Amino acid sequence: MSNRTDKVLLLKGINTMALCLLCSFGGPTLLYLAFGNPNKPLYWPLILLGCIICVTAIVLGFKGLKHIGDSLFNQNQS
């Protein structure tokens, strides 16, 4: 067994972290817009969508770090 980095898994992890970065800016931005206009009709949908995007950013961050760690330390089971 060679000690090489799995480049396909590393690229998958980097792509996941890029999506995490987009979500970690998009979710709080939506929450900021929603809390700034509490009398608008889209107040609750924007809060709900912002919270979902923030949770998605956290999940994608953990998944991306797991993929990167697995690619560096050869933890793939294939």
Protein backbone atom coordinates (compact mmCIF):
# COMPACT_ATOMS: atom_id res chain seq x y z
CA MET A 1 0.00 0.00 0.00
CA SER A 2 1.42 3.36 -0.98
CA ASN A 3 1.09 6.52 1.07
CA ARG A 4 -0.47 8.75 -1.57
CA THR A 5 -3.24 11.29 -1.39
CA ASP A 6 -6.53 10.28 -3.02
CA LYS A 7 -6.91 13.24 -5.36
CA VAL A 8 -10.51 12.50 -6.31
CA LEU A 9 -11.62 12.45 -2.68
CA LEU A 10 -9.56 15.56 -1.95
CA LEU A 11 -11.25 17.42 -4.80
CA LYS A 12 -14.65 16.31 -3.52
CA GLY A 13 -13.75 17.67 -0.08
CA ILE A 14 -12.56 20.98 -1.51
CA ASN A 15 -15.78 21.34 -3.52
CA THR A 16 -17.83 20.61 -0.41
CA MET A 17 -15.88 23.23 1.53
CA ALA A 18 -16.51 25.76 -1.28
CA LEU A 19 -20.26 25.14 -0.96
CA CYS A 20 -19.89 25.50 2.80
CA LEU A 21 -18.25 28.89 2.29
CA LEU A 22 -21.11 30.07 0.09
CA CYS A 23 -23.70 28.89 2.62
CA SER A 24 -21.86 30.45 5.54
CA PHE A 25 -22.16 33.86 3.89
CA GLY A 26 -25.62 33.39 2.40
CA GLY A 27 -27.43 32.20 5.52
CA PRO A 28 -26.45 35.05 7.85
CA THR A 29 -27.10 37.55 5.05
CA LEU A 30 -30.67 36.30 4.71
CA LEU A 31 -31.10 36.40 8.48
CA TYR A 32 -29.80 39.97 8.58
CA LEU A 33 -32.24 41.01 5.86
CA ALA A 34 -35.13 39.30 7.62
CA PHE A 35 -34.42 40.79 11.05
CA GLY A 36 -34.09 44.23 9.50
CA ASN A 37 -37.66 44.13 8.16
CA PRO A 38 -39.90 42.41 10.73
CA ASN A 39 -43.11 43.94 9.31
CA LYS A 40 -42.71 42.55 5.79
CA PRO A 41 -44.73 39.54 4.61
CA LEU A 42 -41.58 37.48 3.88
CA TYR A 43 -40.27 37.80 7.45
CA TRP A 44 -40.86 34.22 8.59
CA PRO A 45 -39.95 32.48 5.30
CA LEU A 46 -36.64 34.39 5.19
CA ILE A 47 -35.84 33.46 8.80
CA LEU A 48 -36.65 29.82 8.11
CA LEU A 49 -34.60 29.76 4.91
CA GLY A 50 -31.67 31.54 6.59
CA CYS A 51 -31.64 29.03 9.47
CA ILE A 52 -31.76 26.08 7.06
CA ILE A 53 -28.86 27.50 5.05
CA CYS A 54 -26.82 28.08 8.25
CA VAL A 55 -27.38 24.48 9.38
CA THR A 56 -26.47 23.30 5.88
CA ALA A 57 -23.21 25.25 6.10
CA ILE A 58 -22.31 23.49 9.36
CA VAL A 59 -23.11 20.04 7.94
CA LEU A 60 -21.18 20.72 4.73
CA GLY A 61 -18.21 21.94 6.76
CA PHE A 62 -18.00 18.70 8.72
CA LYS A 63 -18.50 16.57 5.61
CA GLY A 64 -15.84 18.52 3.70
CA LEU A 65 -13.31 18.18 6.52
CA LYS A 66 -14.06 14.45 6.74
CA HIS A 67 -13.49 14.01 2.99
CA ILE A 68 -10.23 15.94 3.12
CA GLY A 69 -9.02 13.99 6.15
CA ASP A 70 -9.96 10.68 4.55
CA SER A 71 -8.10 11.58 1.37
CA LEU A 72 -4.94 12.59 3.23
CA PHE A 73 -4.84 9.63 5.60
CA ASN A 74 -6.10 6.95 3.16
CA GLN A 75 -9.24 6.06 5.10
CA ASN A 76 -11.32 5.14 2.04
CA GLN A 77 -12.80 1.65 2.14
CA SER A 78 -12.79 1.01 -1.61
